[in-house]
Amino acid sequence: MALPTFWMVMAFGAALAAGAPPLVLDRTIALPEVTGRIDHLAFDPARGQLLVAELGNDTVDVIDLHRGTLIRRLTGFHEPQGIGYAPRTDTIAIANGGDGTVRLLRGSDDAPIATTPLGSDADDIRVDPQSGAFLVGYGEGGIATLNPANGALLAQIPLPAHPEGFQLDPASRRLFVNIPDSQQIAVLDPGARKPLTTWRTPDLRGNFPMALADGGKTVIVAFRDPARLVALNAADGTIRASLDTCGDADDVFTDEKRKRLYVSCGEGFVDVFATDRTPYRPIGRIATKSGARTSLFVPEIDRLIVAARANLFGYGTGAEILVLRPN
């Protein structure tokens, strides 16, 4: 029998690759004695450390992602929700929903730097890549800018209701903010400290996670009711794409290297979409765990991190970090 030609081998390999899942489980890291909901994640690239805000446990875990081990657990927080790391000043920021404060710690030794009160429900955190400042959503509606060196309140922008996921486009310096209680997406000018415009979403509710794609030209939002992934033109808010996605979405990230989107959902899945051409298309649904809503894509190590809370009432597995490798 004749040996297969080079092109036959290549075609067979391509067929196998076509059926391969876009994400595979690389490792699992246990979070012992962690109960309740886990909220946002952040990454310290210099040390290869993952920072985990454990809202229901009032703790923050520091994990060595290279070794897959829990290094230490920080205590004394009040419903830690948002967490961010500013490399320029080596500062960790933890936003506490329980008392409305943002606590700054030194990255090298976790020593306290400052505590900044924002009133109530301090939540999501982003780092301005240009200034290094922390941007924090909080309260009945506002975005605060904090000095990462000393926690000083530099600016505040009022909003009509509590902000959820938001993103700053470094090029245009525009800030896009999900405001689910008002069924809108606000576009802000943080320099002028004022809103620029508002995009209404009357038929879509529960816009919690957000990402930017195409160099800031596209705003990606995952809605919960109905469960839809929507791509909007960053210039005017017109919808470019709208697709079904998993339920109870809490995070969405872009993988620019592979032209993909990852959506993590409390339903117990990560949905993967290809964005290499329009329209976007789903290419995989990866099972995780029920309630595993929070995630973080880390380009520096090329991994998607998913935080899975412990099963209720002590049944099943405990809290853990799922490290997924793009395939």
C-alpha atoms as a PDB file:
ATOM      1  CA  MET A   1       0.000   0.000   0.000  1.00  0.00           C
ATOM      2  CA  ALA A   2       1.303   3.437  -0.912  1.00  0.00           C
ATOM      3  CA  LEU A   3       2.415   5.716   1.904  1.00  0.00           C
ATOM      4  CA  PRO A   4       0.192   8.746   2.510  1.00  0.00           C
ATOM      5  CA  THR A   5       1.314  11.900   0.824  1.00  0.00           C
ATOM      6  CA  PHE A   6       2.393  15.022   2.711  1.00  0.00           C
ATOM      7  CA  TRP A   7      -0.906  16.773   1.897  1.00  0.00           C
ATOM      8  CA  MET A   8      -2.935  13.779   3.082  1.00  0.00           C
ATOM      9  CA  VAL A   9      -1.105  13.900   6.410  1.00  0.00           C
ATOM     10  CA  MET A  10      -1.649  17.642   6.667  1.00  0.00           C
ATOM     11  CA  ALA A  11      -5.365  17.292   5.913  1.00  0.00           C
ATOM     12  CA  PHE A  12      -5.707  14.586   8.555  1.00  0.00           C
ATOM     13  CA  GLY A  13      -3.930  16.780  11.121  1.00  0.00           C
ATOM     14  CA  ALA A  14      -6.206  19.683  10.279  1.00  0.00           C
ATOM     15  CA  ALA A  15      -9.259  17.492  10.716  1.00  0.00           C
ATOM     16  CA  LEU A  16      -8.062  16.418  14.137  1.00  0.00           C
ATOM     17  CA  ALA A  17      -7.343  20.016  15.108  1.00  0.00           C
ATOM     18  CA  ALA A  18     -10.809  21.081  13.974  1.00  0.00           C
ATOM     19  CA  GLY A  19     -12.354  18.802  16.581  1.00  0.00           C
ATOM     20  CA  ALA A  20     -10.038  19.820  19.408  1.00  0.00           C
ATOM     21  CA  PRO A  21     -11.469  22.007  22.196  1.00  0.00           C
ATOM     22  CA  PRO A  22     -10.240  25.622  22.156  1.00  0.00           C
ATOM     23  CA  LEU A  23      -9.347  25.415  25.873  1.00  0.00           C
ATOM     24  CA  VAL A  24      -8.007  22.508  27.923  1.00  0.00           C
ATOM     25  CA  LEU A  25      -7.521  22.200  31.679  1.00  0.00           C
ATOM     26  CA  ASP A  26      -3.853  22.731  32.491  1.00  0.00           C
ATOM     27  CA  ARG A  27      -4.027  22.425  36.274  1.00  0.00           C
ATOM     28  CA  THR A  28      -6.263  22.903  39.308  1.00  0.00           C
ATOM     29  CA  ILE A  29      -5.180  24.831  42.405  1.00  0.00           C
ATOM     30  CA  ALA A  30      -7.096  24.201  45.630  1.00  0.00           C
ATOM     31  CA  LEU A  31      -8.235  27.102  47.829  1.00  0.00           C
ATOM     32  CA  PRO A  32      -8.707  25.353  51.178  1.00  0.00           C
ATOM     33  CA  GLU A  33     -11.226  26.719  53.686  1.00  0.00           C
ATOM     34  CA  VAL A  34     -12.572  29.348  51.287  1.00  0.00           C
ATOM     35  CA  THR A  35     -16.353  29.691  51.418  1.00  0.00           C
ATOM     36  CA  GLY A  36     -18.803  31.950  49.646  1.00  0.00           C
ATOM     37  CA  ARG A  37     -18.546  33.871  46.420  1.00  0.00           C
ATOM     38  CA  ILE A  38     -15.223  34.652  44.758  1.00  0.00           C
ATOM     39  CA  ASP A  39     -15.051  37.954  42.921  1.00  0.00           C
ATOM     40  CA  HIS A  40     -12.372  39.600  40.785  1.00  0.00           C
ATOM     41  CA  LEU A  41      -8.803  38.483  40.007  1.00  0.00           C
ATOM     42  CA  ALA A  42      -5.577  40.359  39.263  1.00  0.00           C
ATOM     43  CA  PHE A  43      -2.075  39.363  38.184  1.00  0.00           C
ATOM     44  CA  ASP A  44       1.382  40.504  39.312  1.00  0.00           C
ATOM     45  CA  PRO A  45       3.531  39.691  36.248  1.00  0.00           C
ATOM     46  CA  ALA A  46       6.914  40.311  37.873  1.00  0.00           C
ATOM     47  CA  ARG A  47       6.294  37.680  40.550  1.00  0.00           C
ATOM     48  CA  GLY A  48       3.938  35.468  38.547  1.00  0.00           C
ATOM     49  CA  GLN A  49       1.328  35.803  41.279  1.00  0.00           C
ATOM     50  CA  LEU A  50      -2.441  35.644  41.020  1.00  0.00           C
ATOM     51  CA  LEU A  51      -4.466  37.780  43.450  1.00  0.00           C
ATOM     52  CA  VAL A  52      -7.906  36.422  44.336  1.00  0.00           C
ATOM     53  CA  ALA A  53     -10.633  38.553  45.983  1.00  0.00           C
ATOM     54  CA  GLU A  54     -12.674  36.112  48.095  1.00  0.00           C
ATOM     55  CA  LEU A  55     -15.745  38.196  48.847  1.00  0.00           C
ATOM     56  CA  GLY A  56     -17.626  35.616  50.890  1.00  0.00           C
ATOM     57  CA  ASN A  57     -14.522  34.722  52.919  1.00  0.00           C
ATOM     58  CA  ASP A  58     -13.309  38.303  53.627  1.00  0.00           C
ATOM     59  CA  THR A  59      -9.860  37.244  52.413  1.00  0.00           C
ATOM     60  CA  VAL A  60      -7.435  37.714  49.515  1.00  0.00           C
ATOM     61  CA  ASP A  61      -5.321  34.778  48.371  1.00  0.00           C
ATOM     62  CA  VAL A  62      -1.917  35.131  46.714  1.00  0.00           C
ATOM     63  CA  ILE A  63      -1.081  32.224  44.392  1.00  0.00           C
ATOM     64  CA  ASP A  64       2.146  31.297  42.616  1.00  0.00           C
ATOM     65  CA  LEU A  65       0.842  30.425  39.151  1.00  0.00           C
ATOM     66  CA  HIS A  66       4.165  28.999  37.975  1.00  0.00           C
ATOM     67  CA  ARG A  67       4.234  26.422  40.767  1.00  0.00           C
ATOM     68  CA  GLY A  68       0.481  26.146  41.181  1.00  0.00           C
ATOM     69  CA  THR A  69       0.591  26.730  44.939  1.00  0.00           C
ATOM     70  CA  LEU A  70      -1.115  28.986  47.472  1.00  0.00           C
ATOM     71  CA  ILE A  71       1.564  31.280  48.923  1.00  0.00           C
ATOM     72  CA  ARG A  72      -0.391  33.179  51.579  1.00  0.00           C
ATOM     73  CA  ARG A  73      -3.832  34.379  52.608  1.00  0.00           C
ATOM     74  CA  LEU A  74      -4.479  37.999  53.564  1.00  0.00           C
ATOM     75  CA  THR A  75      -7.253  38.669  56.082  1.00  0.00           C
ATOM     76  CA  GLY A  76      -9.186  41.532  57.630  1.00  0.00           C
ATOM     77  CA  PHE A  77     -11.139  42.728  54.578  1.00  0.00           C
ATOM     78  CA  HIS A  78     -14.850  43.506  54.308  1.00  0.00           C
ATOM     79  CA  GLU A  79     -16.335  41.745  51.290  1.00  0.00           C
ATOM     80  CA  PRO A  80     -13.363  42.275  48.940  1.00  0.00           C
ATOM     81  CA  GLN A  81     -14.714  42.636  45.399  1.00  0.00           C
ATOM     82  CA  GLY A  82     -12.384  44.475  43.045  1.00  0.00           C
ATOM     83  CA  ILE A  83      -8.659  43.909  43.003  1.00  0.00           C
ATOM     84  CA  GLY A  84      -5.931  45.486  40.922  1.00  0.00           C
ATOM     85  CA  TYR A  85      -2.151  45.593  40.642  1.00  0.00           C
ATOM     86  CA  ALA A  86      -0.208  48.688  39.537  1.00  0.00           C
ATOM     87  CA  PRO A  87       3.290  47.561  38.449  1.00  0.00           C
ATOM     88  CA  ARG A  88       4.773  51.042  38.257  1.00  0.00           C
ATOM     89  CA  THR A  89       4.384  51.576  42.010  1.00  0.00           C
ATOM     90  CA  ASP A  90       4.207  47.859  42.975  1.00  0.00           C
ATOM     91  CA  THR A  91       0.834  48.471  44.620  1.00  0.00           C
ATOM     92  CA  ILE A  92      -2.119  46.164  45.229  1.00  0.00           C
ATOM     93  CA  ALA A  93      -5.571  47.758  45.537  1.00  0.00           C
ATOM     94  CA  ILE A  94      -8.473  45.895  47.187  1.00  0.00           C
ATOM     95  CA  ALA A  95     -11.979  47.376  46.920  1.00  0.00           C
ATOM     96  CA  ASN A  96     -14.288  46.389  49.775  1.00  0.00           C
ATOM     97  CA  GLY A  97     -18.002  46.223  49.139  1.00  0.00           C
ATOM     98  CA  GLY A  98     -18.812  45.873  52.829  1.00  0.00           C
ATOM     99  CA  ASP A  99     -17.388  49.170  54.081  1.00  0.00           C
ATOM    100  CA  GLY A 100     -16.793  51.048  50.808  1.00  0.00           C
ATOM    101  CA  THR A 101     -13.035  51.413  51.291  1.00  0.00           C
ATOM    102  CA  VAL A 102     -10.109  50.775  48.959  1.00  0.00           C
ATOM    103  CA  ARG A 103      -7.056  49.415  50.752  1.00  0.00           C
ATOM    104  CA  LEU A 104      -3.629  49.779  49.180  1.00  0.00           C
ATOM    105  CA  LEU A 105      -0.870  47.293  49.987  1.00  0.00           C
ATOM    106  CA  ARG A 106       2.774  47.126  48.977  1.00  0.00           C
ATOM    107  CA  GLY A 107       3.259  44.288  46.524  1.00  0.00           C
ATOM    108  CA  SER A 108       6.632  43.193  47.891  1.00  0.00           C
ATOM    109  CA  ASP A 109       5.501  42.446  51.448  1.00  0.00           C
ATOM    110  CA  ASP A 110       1.735  43.229  51.698  1.00  0.00           C
ATOM    111  CA  ALA A 111       2.469  46.151  54.022  1.00  0.00           C
ATOM    112  CA  PRO A 112      -0.435  48.638  54.260  1.00  0.00           C
ATOM    113  CA  ILE A 113       0.019  51.900  52.363  1.00  0.00           C
ATOM    114  CA  ALA A 114      -3.325  53.670  52.709  1.00  0.00           C
ATOM    115  CA  THR A 115      -7.078  53.214  53.100  1.00  0.00           C
ATOM    116  CA  THR A 116      -9.359  55.405  50.987  1.00  0.00           C
ATOM    117  CA  PRO A 117     -13.069  55.625  51.913  1.00  0.00           C
ATOM    118  CA  LEU A 118     -15.453  55.884  48.934  1.00  0.00           C
ATOM    119  CA  GLY A 119     -18.695  55.731  50.911  1.00  0.00           C
ATOM    120  CA  SER A 120     -20.195  52.372  49.910  1.00  0.00           C
ATOM    121  CA  ASP A 121     -19.903  49.325  47.666  1.00  0.00           C
ATOM    122  CA  ALA A 122     -16.374  49.792  46.310  1.00  0.00           C
ATOM    123  CA  ASP A 123     -16.285  47.328  43.436  1.00  0.00           C
ATOM    124  CA  ASP A 124     -14.459  46.833  40.135  1.00  0.00           C
ATOM    125  CA  ILE A 125     -10.894  48.156  39.654  1.00  0.00           C
ATOM    126  CA  ARG A 126      -8.874  49.017  36.543  1.00  0.00           C
ATOM    127  CA  VAL A 127      -5.366  50.434  36.179  1.00  0.00           C
ATOM    128  CA  ASP A 128      -4.792  53.376  33.838  1.00  0.00           C
ATOM    129  CA  PRO A 129      -1.768  52.226  31.778  1.00  0.00           C
ATOM    130  CA  GLN A 130      -0.805  55.825  31.042  1.00  0.00           C
ATOM    131  CA  SER A 131      -0.811  57.294  34.557  1.00  0.00           C
ATOM    132  CA  GLY A 132      -0.663  54.130  36.661  1.00  0.00           C
ATOM    133  CA  ALA A 133      -3.669  55.350  38.683  1.00  0.00           C
ATOM    134  CA  PHE A 134      -6.420  53.057  39.957  1.00  0.00           C
ATOM    135  CA  LEU A 135      -9.947  53.536  38.588  1.00  0.00           C
ATOM    136  CA  VAL A 136     -12.624  52.235  40.972  1.00  0.00           C
ATOM    137  CA  GLY A 137     -16.371  51.835  40.495  1.00  0.00           C
ATOM    138  CA  TYR A 138     -18.348  52.420  43.668  1.00  0.00           C
ATOM    139  CA  GLY A 139     -21.535  53.368  45.477  1.00  0.00           C
ATOM    140  CA  GLU A 140     -24.838  54.494  44.026  1.00  0.00           C
ATOM    141  CA  GLY A 141     -22.947  55.585  40.929  1.00  0.00           C
ATOM    142  CA  GLY A 142     -19.420  56.822  40.434  1.00  0.00           C
ATOM    143  CA  ILE A 143     -15.895  56.177  39.157  1.00  0.00           C
ATOM    144  CA  ALA A 144     -13.046  57.323  41.412  1.00  0.00           C
ATOM    145  CA  THR A 145      -9.413  57.832  40.418  1.00  0.00           C
ATOM    146  CA  LEU A 146      -6.855  57.032  43.135  1.00  0.00           C
ATOM    147  CA  ASN A 147      -3.154  57.790  43.353  1.00  0.00           C
ATOM    148  CA  PRO A 148      -1.461  54.358  43.577  1.00  0.00           C
ATOM    149  CA  ALA A 149       1.398  55.707  45.689  1.00  0.00           C
ATOM    150  CA  ASN A 150      -0.654  57.090  48.589  1.00  0.00           C
ATOM    151  CA  GLY A 151      -4.350  56.401  47.920  1.00  0.00           C
ATOM    152  CA  ALA A 152      -5.216  60.074  47.442  1.00  0.00           C
ATOM    153  CA  LEU A 153      -8.559  60.672  45.734  1.00  0.00           C
ATOM    154  CA  LEU A 154      -7.660  62.434  42.481  1.00  0.00           C
ATOM    155  CA  ALA A 155     -11.028  62.635  40.729  1.00  0.00           C
ATOM    156  CA  GLN A 156     -14.637  61.436  40.791  1.00  0.00           C
ATOM    157  CA  ILE A 157     -17.140  61.088  37.948  1.00  0.00           C
ATOM    158  CA  PRO A 158     -20.806  60.717  38.973  1.00  0.00           C
ATOM    159  CA  LEU A 159     -23.023  58.110  37.311  1.00  0.00           C
ATOM    160  CA  PRO A 160     -26.796  57.480  37.453  1.00  0.00           C
ATOM    161  CA  ALA A 161     -26.433  54.070  39.160  1.00  0.00           C
ATOM    162  CA  HIS A 162     -23.827  51.595  40.364  1.00  0.00           C
ATOM    163  CA  PRO A 163     -21.203  50.734  37.711  1.00  0.00           C
ATOM    164  CA  GLU A 164     -20.203  47.180  36.933  1.00  0.00           C
ATOM    165  CA  GLY A 165     -17.586  46.202  34.323  1.00  0.00           C
ATOM    166  CA  PHE A 166     -15.763  49.097  32.663  1.00  0.00           C
ATOM    167  CA  GLN A 167     -12.783  49.602  30.369  1.00  0.00           C
ATOM    168  CA  LEU A 168     -10.467  52.500  29.550  1.00  0.00           C
ATOM    169  CA  ASP A 169      -9.271  52.825  25.949  1.00  0.00           C
ATOM    170  CA  PRO A 170      -5.661  54.088  26.256  1.00  0.00           C
ATOM    171  CA  ALA A 171      -5.669  55.539  22.734  1.00  0.00           C
ATOM    172  CA  SER A 172      -8.845  57.645  22.799  1.00  0.00           C
ATOM    173  CA  ARG A 173      -8.795  58.105  26.599  1.00  0.00           C
ATOM    174  CA  ARG A 174     -12.497  57.261  26.687  1.00  0.00           C
ATOM    175  CA  LEU A 175     -13.956  55.213  29.523  1.00  0.00           C
ATOM    176  CA  PHE A 176     -16.788  52.769  28.726  1.00  0.00           C
ATOM    177  CA  VAL A 177     -18.935  51.785  31.721  1.00  0.00           C
ATOM    178  CA  ASN A 178     -21.680  49.171  32.143  1.00  0.00           C
ATOM    179  CA  ILE A 179     -24.595  50.477  34.245  1.00  0.00           C
ATOM    180  CA  PRO A 180     -27.033  47.553  34.379  1.00  0.00           C
ATOM    181  CA  ASP A 181     -29.573  49.156  36.734  1.00  0.00           C
ATOM    182  CA  SER A 182     -30.096  51.909  34.153  1.00  0.00           C
ATOM    183  CA  GLN A 183     -29.856  49.559  31.148  1.00  0.00           C
ATOM    184  CA  GLN A 184     -27.148  51.672  29.594  1.00  0.00           C
ATOM    185  CA  ILE A 185     -23.487  51.931  28.716  1.00  0.00           C
ATOM    186  CA  ALA A 186     -21.920  55.268  29.619  1.00  0.00           C
ATOM    187  CA  VAL A 187     -19.029  56.776  27.673  1.00  0.00           C
ATOM    188  CA  LEU A 188     -16.934  59.093  29.835  1.00  0.00           C
ATOM    189  CA  ASP A 189     -14.057  61.507  29.477  1.00  0.00           C
ATOM    190  CA  PRO A 190     -11.980  60.896  32.635  1.00  0.00           C
ATOM    191  CA  GLY A 191      -9.766  63.885  31.865  1.00  0.00           C
ATOM    192  CA  ALA A 192     -12.698  66.285  31.811  1.00  0.00           C
ATOM    193  CA  ARG A 193     -14.443  64.259  34.553  1.00  0.00           C
ATOM    194  CA  LYS A 194     -17.756  64.162  32.712  1.00  0.00           C
ATOM    195  CA  PRO A 195     -19.982  61.887  30.615  1.00  0.00           C
ATOM    196  CA  LEU A 196     -19.740  62.172  26.825  1.00  0.00           C
ATOM    197  CA  THR A 197     -22.723  60.093  25.760  1.00  0.00           C
ATOM    198  CA  THR A 198     -24.952  57.189  26.736  1.00  0.00           C
ATOM    199  CA  TRP A 199     -25.910  54.059  24.789  1.00  0.00           C
ATOM    200  CA  ARG A 200     -29.272  52.601  25.759  1.00  0.00           C
ATOM    201  CA  THR A 201     -29.949  48.849  25.673  1.00  0.00           C
ATOM    202  CA  PRO A 202     -33.750  48.594  26.142  1.00  0.00           C
ATOM    203  CA  ASP A 203     -34.014  44.955  25.016  1.00  0.00           C
ATOM    204  CA  LEU A 204     -30.877  43.757  26.799  1.00  0.00           C
ATOM    205  CA  ARG A 205     -30.436  43.686  30.569  1.00  0.00           C
ATOM    206  CA  GLY A 206     -27.764  42.639  33.039  1.00  0.00           C
ATOM    207  CA  ASN A 207     -24.728  44.090  31.258  1.00  0.00           C
ATOM    208  CA  PHE A 208     -22.024  43.172  33.754  1.00  0.00           C
ATOM    209  CA  PRO A 209     -18.748  42.137  31.993  1.00  0.00           C
ATOM    210  CA  MET A 210     -17.003  44.230  29.337  1.00  0.00           C
ATOM    211  CA  ALA A 211     -13.867  44.079  27.184  1.00  0.00           C
ATOM    212  CA  LEU A 212     -12.323  46.079  24.366  1.00  0.00           C
ATOM    213  CA  ALA A 213     -11.254  44.568  21.041  1.00  0.00           C
ATOM    214  CA  ASP A 214      -9.753  45.672  17.719  1.00  0.00           C
ATOM    215  CA  GLY A 215      -7.444  48.185  19.370  1.00  0.00           C
ATOM    216  CA  GLY A 216     -10.316  49.887  21.176  1.00  0.00           C
ATOM    217  CA  LYS A 217     -12.570  50.131  18.121  1.00  0.00           C
ATOM    218  CA  THR A 218     -15.035  47.539  19.444  1.00  0.00           C
ATOM    219  CA  VAL A 219     -16.717  47.319  22.854  1.00  0.00           C
ATOM    220  CA  ILE A 220     -17.631  43.761  23.875  1.00  0.00           C
ATOM    221  CA  VAL A 221     -20.451  43.362  26.412  1.00  0.00           C
ATOM    222  CA  ALA A 222     -22.025  40.182  27.786  1.00  0.00           C
ATOM    223  CA  PHE A 223     -25.655  40.547  28.881  1.00  0.00           C
ATOM    224  CA  ARG A 224     -27.451  38.187  31.258  1.00  0.00           C
ATOM    225  CA  ASP A 225     -31.071  38.764  30.238  1.00  0.00           C
ATOM    226  CA  PRO A 226     -31.233  37.455  27.617  1.00  0.00           C
ATOM    227  CA  ALA A 227     -27.822  35.779  27.611  1.00  0.00           C
ATOM    228  CA  ARG A 228     -26.143  37.541  24.681  1.00  0.00           C
ATOM    229  CA  LEU A 229     -22.636  38.504  23.653  1.00  0.00           C
ATOM    230  CA  VAL A 230     -22.781  41.860  21.868  1.00  0.00           C
ATOM    231  CA  ALA A 231     -20.061  43.722  19.953  1.00  0.00           C
ATOM    232  CA  LEU A 232     -20.609  47.476  19.621  1.00  0.00           C
ATOM    233  CA  ASN A 233     -18.874  50.074  17.501  1.00  0.00           C
ATOM    234  CA  ALA A 234     -16.845  52.150  19.956  1.00  0.00           C
ATOM    235  CA  ALA A 235     -17.428  55.281  17.878  1.00  0.00           C
ATOM    236  CA  ASP A 236     -21.219  55.369  18.095  1.00  0.00           C
ATOM    237  CA  GLY A 237     -22.538  52.314  19.966  1.00  0.00           C
ATOM    238  CA  THR A 238     -24.098  50.616  16.955  1.00  0.00           C
ATOM    239  CA  ILE A 239     -24.274  46.830  17.250  1.00  0.00           C
ATOM    240  CA  ARG A 240     -21.830  44.917  15.044  1.00  0.00           C
ATOM    241  CA  ALA A 241     -22.593  41.408  16.296  1.00  0.00           C
ATOM    242  CA  SER A 242     -24.998  39.694  18.707  1.00  0.00           C
ATOM    243  CA  LEU A 243     -24.717  36.010  19.621  1.00  0.00           C
ATOM    244  CA  ASP A 244     -26.163  33.605  22.183  1.00  0.00           C
ATOM    245  CA  THR A 245     -23.844  32.847  25.082  1.00  0.00           C
ATOM    246  CA  CYS A 246     -23.860  30.970  28.387  1.00  0.00           C
ATOM    247  CA  GLY A 247     -25.984  32.150  31.302  1.00  0.00           C
ATOM    248  CA  ASP A 248     -24.912  34.371  34.223  1.00  0.00           C
ATOM    249  CA  ALA A 249     -21.865  35.840  32.456  1.00  0.00           C
ATOM    250  CA  ASP A 250     -19.484  37.671  34.772  1.00  0.00           C
ATOM    251  CA  ASP A 251     -16.262  38.155  32.787  1.00  0.00           C
ATOM    252  CA  VAL A 252     -15.246  38.490  29.139  1.00  0.00           C
ATOM    253  CA  PHE A 253     -11.710  38.740  27.753  1.00  0.00           C
ATOM    254  CA  THR A 254     -10.048  39.122  24.374  1.00  0.00           C
ATOM    255  CA  ASP A 255      -7.258  36.841  23.203  1.00  0.00           C
ATOM    256  CA  GLU A 256      -5.647  39.045  20.553  1.00  0.00           C
ATOM    257  CA  LYS A 257      -3.079  36.414  19.627  1.00  0.00           C
ATOM    258  CA  ARG A 258      -5.741  33.954  18.479  1.00  0.00           C
ATOM    259  CA  LYS A 259      -8.528  36.439  17.659  1.00  0.00           C
ATOM    260  CA  ARG A 260     -10.841  34.968  20.268  1.00  0.00           C
ATOM    261  CA  LEU A 261     -13.205  35.986  23.040  1.00  0.00           C
ATOM    262  CA  TYR A 262     -13.626  34.070  26.308  1.00  0.00           C
ATOM    263  CA  VAL A 263     -16.875  34.449  28.305  1.00  0.00           C
ATOM    264  CA  SER A 264     -17.035  32.865  31.775  1.00  0.00           C
ATOM    265  CA  CYS A 265     -20.480  32.119  33.193  1.00  0.00           C
ATOM    266  CA  GLY A 266     -21.983  31.036  36.500  1.00  0.00           C
ATOM    267  CA  GLU A 267     -23.949  28.447  34.544  1.00  0.00           C
ATOM    268  CA  GLY A 268     -20.713  26.433  34.607  1.00  0.00           C
ATOM    269  CA  PHE A 269     -19.180  27.098  31.202  1.00  0.00           C
ATOM    270  CA  VAL A 270     -16.667  29.201  29.310  1.00  0.00           C
ATOM    271  CA  ASP A 271     -17.880  30.116  25.833  1.00  0.00           C
ATOM    272  CA  VAL A 272     -15.228  30.720  23.172  1.00  0.00           C
ATOM    273  CA  PHE A 273     -15.852  32.864  20.086  1.00  0.00           C
ATOM    274  CA  ALA A 274     -13.665  33.437  17.029  1.00  0.00           C
ATOM    275  CA  THR A 275     -13.321  37.094  15.970  1.00  0.00           C
ATOM    276  CA  ASP A 276     -11.001  36.699  12.986  1.00  0.00           C
ATOM    277  CA  ARG A 277     -13.818  37.676  10.674  1.00  0.00           C
ATOM    278  CA  THR A 278     -17.328  39.109  10.786  1.00  0.00           C
ATOM    279  CA  PRO A 279     -19.724  37.794  11.890  1.00  0.00           C
ATOM    280  CA  TYR A 280     -18.185  36.357  15.048  1.00  0.00           C
ATOM    281  CA  ARG A 281     -18.807  32.643  15.529  1.00  0.00           C
ATOM    282  CA  PRO A 282     -18.846  30.267  18.515  1.00  0.00           C
ATOM    283  CA  ILE A 283     -16.074  27.653  18.437  1.00  0.00           C
ATOM    284  CA  GLY A 284     -16.437  25.909  21.783  1.00  0.00           C
ATOM    285  CA  ARG A 285     -18.220  25.607  25.122  1.00  0.00           C
ATOM    286  CA  ILE A 286     -15.931  24.396  27.914  1.00  0.00           C
ATOM    287  CA  ALA A 287     -17.450  22.942  31.091  1.00  0.00           C
ATOM    288  CA  THR A 288     -16.106  24.383  34.356  1.00  0.00           C
ATOM    289  CA  LYS A 289     -18.203  24.328  37.569  1.00  0.00           C
ATOM    290  CA  SER A 290     -21.555  25.774  38.541  1.00  0.00           C
ATOM    291  CA  GLY A 291     -20.978  29.229  40.015  1.00  0.00           C
ATOM    292  CA  ALA A 292     -17.525  29.616  38.418  1.00  0.00           C
ATOM    293  CA  ARG A 293     -18.261  33.084  37.055  1.00  0.00           C
ATOM    294  CA  THR A 294     -15.045  35.011  37.627  1.00  0.00           C
ATOM    295  CA  SER A 295     -12.097  34.719  35.262  1.00  0.00           C
ATOM    296  CA  LEU A 296      -8.956  36.470  34.053  1.00  0.00           C
ATOM    297  CA  PHE A 297      -7.057  35.996  30.813  1.00  0.00           C
ATOM    298  CA  VAL A 298      -3.324  36.512  31.409  1.00  0.00           C
ATOM    299  CA  PRO A 299      -1.435  37.078  28.133  1.00  0.00           C
ATOM    300  CA  GLU A 300       1.933  37.035  29.933  1.00  0.00           C
ATOM    301  CA  ILE A 301       1.539  33.311  30.665  1.00  0.00           C
ATOM    302  CA  ASP A 302      -1.048  32.577  27.943  1.00  0.00           C
ATOM    303  CA  ARG A 303      -3.651  31.143  30.315  1.00  0.00           C
ATOM    304  CA  LEU A 304      -7.308  31.720  31.185  1.00  0.00           C
ATOM    305  CA  ILE A 305      -7.838  31.580  34.945  1.00  0.00           C
ATOM    306  CA  VAL A 306     -11.302  30.667  36.267  1.00  0.00           C
ATOM    307  CA  ALA A 307     -12.232  30.901  39.957  1.00  0.00           C
ATOM    308  CA  ALA A 308     -14.658  28.223  41.174  1.00  0.00           C
ATOM    309  CA  ARG A 309     -16.424  28.708  44.484  1.00  0.00           C
ATOM    310  CA  ALA A 310     -16.896  25.846  46.927  1.00  0.00           C
ATOM    311  CA  ASN A 311     -20.034  23.778  46.569  1.00  0.00           C
ATOM    312  CA  LEU A 312     -22.845  24.844  48.900  1.00  0.00           C
ATOM    313  CA  PHE A 313     -23.403  23.052  52.218  1.00  0.00           C
ATOM    314  CA  GLY A 314     -20.036  21.291  52.029  1.00  0.00           C
ATOM    315  CA  TYR A 315     -21.000  18.851  49.295  1.00  0.00           C
ATOM    316  CA  GLY A 316     -18.648  18.157  46.386  1.00  0.00           C
ATOM    317  CA  THR A 317     -15.403  19.989  45.710  1.00  0.00           C
ATOM    318  CA  GLY A 318     -14.038  22.964  47.584  1.00  0.00           C
ATOM    319  CA  ALA A 319     -13.048  26.321  46.116  1.00  0.00           C
ATOM    320  CA  GLU A 320     -10.355  26.133  43.486  1.00  0.00           C
ATOM    321  CA  ILE A 321      -8.609  27.897  40.633  1.00  0.00           C
ATOM    322  CA  LEU A 322      -8.936  26.320  37.201  1.00  0.00           C
ATOM    323  CA  VAL A 323      -6.035  27.110  34.882  1.00  0.00           C
ATOM    324  CA  LEU A 324      -7.086  26.672  31.249  1.00  0.00           C
ATOM    325  CA  ARG A 325      -4.639  26.557  28.356  1.00  0.00           C
ATOM    326  CA  PRO A 326      -5.646  27.785  24.891  1.00  0.00           C
ATOM    327  CA  ASN A 327      -5.452  24.895  22.447  1.00  0.00           C
END
